[in-house]
Amino acid sequence: MSPATRRIGVMTSGGDCPGLNAAIRAITRRAVSGHGFEVLGIEDAVAGLASGRARP
């Protein structure tokens, strides 16, 4: 990949799901420390994605 900023977004559909926090944490840790990605959390699922509501 190019040296430009590499970024991924993490989005869930909401609701309770056992192990989801651990999965999000593992994805974020691996992406940041293992591959140098910036990780964004997308708020309010698809509505947040459509309106650009994402934050590191």
C-alpha atoms as a PDB file:
ATOM      1  CA  MET A   1       0.000   0.000   0.000  1.00  0.00           C
ATOM      2  CA  SER A   2       1.022   3.591  -0.442  1.00  0.00           C
ATOM      3  CA  PRO A   3       2.435   5.594   2.475  1.00  0.00           C
ATOM      4  CA  ALA A   4      -0.836   7.558   2.687  1.00  0.00           C
ATOM      5  CA  THR A   5      -2.951   7.193   5.819  1.00  0.00           C
ATOM      6  CA  ARG A   6      -4.678   3.842   5.909  1.00  0.00           C
ATOM      7  CA  ARG A   7      -7.963   3.916   7.715  1.00  0.00           C
ATOM      8  CA  ILE A   8     -10.671   1.413   8.589  1.00  0.00           C
ATOM      9  CA  GLY A   9     -14.050   1.862  10.230  1.00  0.00           C
ATOM     10  CA  VAL A  10     -15.641  -0.390  12.807  1.00  0.00           C
ATOM     11  CA  MET A  11     -19.418  -0.438  12.864  1.00  0.00           C
ATOM     12  CA  THR A  12     -21.958  -2.670  14.580  1.00  0.00           C
ATOM     13  CA  SER A  13     -25.682  -2.894  14.154  1.00  0.00           C
ATOM     14  CA  GLY A  14     -26.339  -2.271  17.844  1.00  0.00           C
ATOM     15  CA  GLY A  15     -27.928  -4.455  20.452  1.00  0.00           C
ATOM     16  CA  ASP A  16     -26.319  -6.759  22.966  1.00  0.00           C
ATOM     17  CA  CYS A  17     -23.838  -9.306  21.729  1.00  0.00           C
ATOM     18  CA  PRO A  18     -21.565 -11.337  24.003  1.00  0.00           C
ATOM     19  CA  GLY A  19     -17.918 -10.761  23.187  1.00  0.00           C
ATOM     20  CA  LEU A  20     -18.448  -7.754  20.923  1.00  0.00           C
ATOM     21  CA  ASN A  21     -16.308  -5.381  23.001  1.00  0.00           C
ATOM     22  CA  ALA A  22     -13.465  -7.897  22.978  1.00  0.00           C
ATOM     23  CA  ALA A  23     -13.764  -8.333  19.213  1.00  0.00           C
ATOM     24  CA  ILE A  24     -13.710  -4.572  18.585  1.00  0.00           C
ATOM     25  CA  ARG A  25     -10.714  -4.210  20.879  1.00  0.00           C
ATOM     26  CA  ALA A  26      -8.827  -7.007  19.103  1.00  0.00           C
ATOM     27  CA  ILE A  27      -9.561  -5.551  15.664  1.00  0.00           C
ATOM     28  CA  THR A  28      -8.412  -2.105  16.777  1.00  0.00           C
ATOM     29  CA  ARG A  29      -5.233  -3.293  18.483  1.00  0.00           C
ATOM     30  CA  ARG A  30      -4.204  -5.439  15.536  1.00  0.00           C
ATOM     31  CA  ALA A  31      -4.961  -2.754  12.968  1.00  0.00           C
ATOM     32  CA  VAL A  32      -3.111  -0.011  14.870  1.00  0.00           C
ATOM     33  CA  SER A  33      -0.071  -1.787  16.256  1.00  0.00           C
ATOM     34  CA  GLY A  34       0.193  -4.602  13.737  1.00  0.00           C
ATOM     35  CA  HIS A  35      -0.433  -2.711  10.514  1.00  0.00           C
ATOM     36  CA  GLY A  36      -0.317   1.034  11.252  1.00  0.00           C
ATOM     37  CA  PHE A  37      -3.956   1.728  10.412  1.00  0.00           C
ATOM     38  CA  GLU A  38      -6.085   4.497  11.878  1.00  0.00           C
ATOM     39  CA  VAL A  39      -9.330   3.032  13.231  1.00  0.00           C
ATOM     40  CA  LEU A  40     -12.593   4.962  13.339  1.00  0.00           C
ATOM     41  CA  GLY A  41     -15.696   4.017  15.263  1.00  0.00           C
ATOM     42  CA  ILE A  42     -18.874   4.746  13.336  1.00  0.00           C
ATOM     43  CA  GLU A  43     -21.744   5.943  15.510  1.00  0.00           C
ATOM     44  CA  ASP A  44     -25.383   4.860  14.999  1.00  0.00           C
ATOM     45  CA  ALA A  45     -24.606   2.135  12.444  1.00  0.00           C
ATOM     46  CA  VAL A  46     -25.711   2.831   8.867  1.00  0.00           C
ATOM     47  CA  ALA A  47     -27.239   6.218   9.717  1.00  0.00           C
ATOM     48  CA  GLY A  48     -23.905   7.331  11.169  1.00  0.00           C
ATOM     49  CA  LEU A  49     -22.003   6.007   8.165  1.00  0.00           C
ATOM     50  CA  ALA A  50     -24.284   7.891   5.761  1.00  0.00           C
ATOM     51  CA  SER A  51     -23.941  11.161   7.688  1.00  0.00           C
ATOM     52  CA  GLY A  52     -20.219  10.862   8.408  1.00  0.00           C
ATOM     53  CA  ARG A  53     -20.431  10.423  12.182  1.00  0.00           C
ATOM     54  CA  ALA A  54     -17.160   8.657  12.862  1.00  0.00           C
ATOM     55  CA  ARG A  55     -14.455   9.276  15.436  1.00  0.00           C
ATOM     56  CA  PRO A  56     -11.082   7.746  16.323  1.00  0.00           C
END
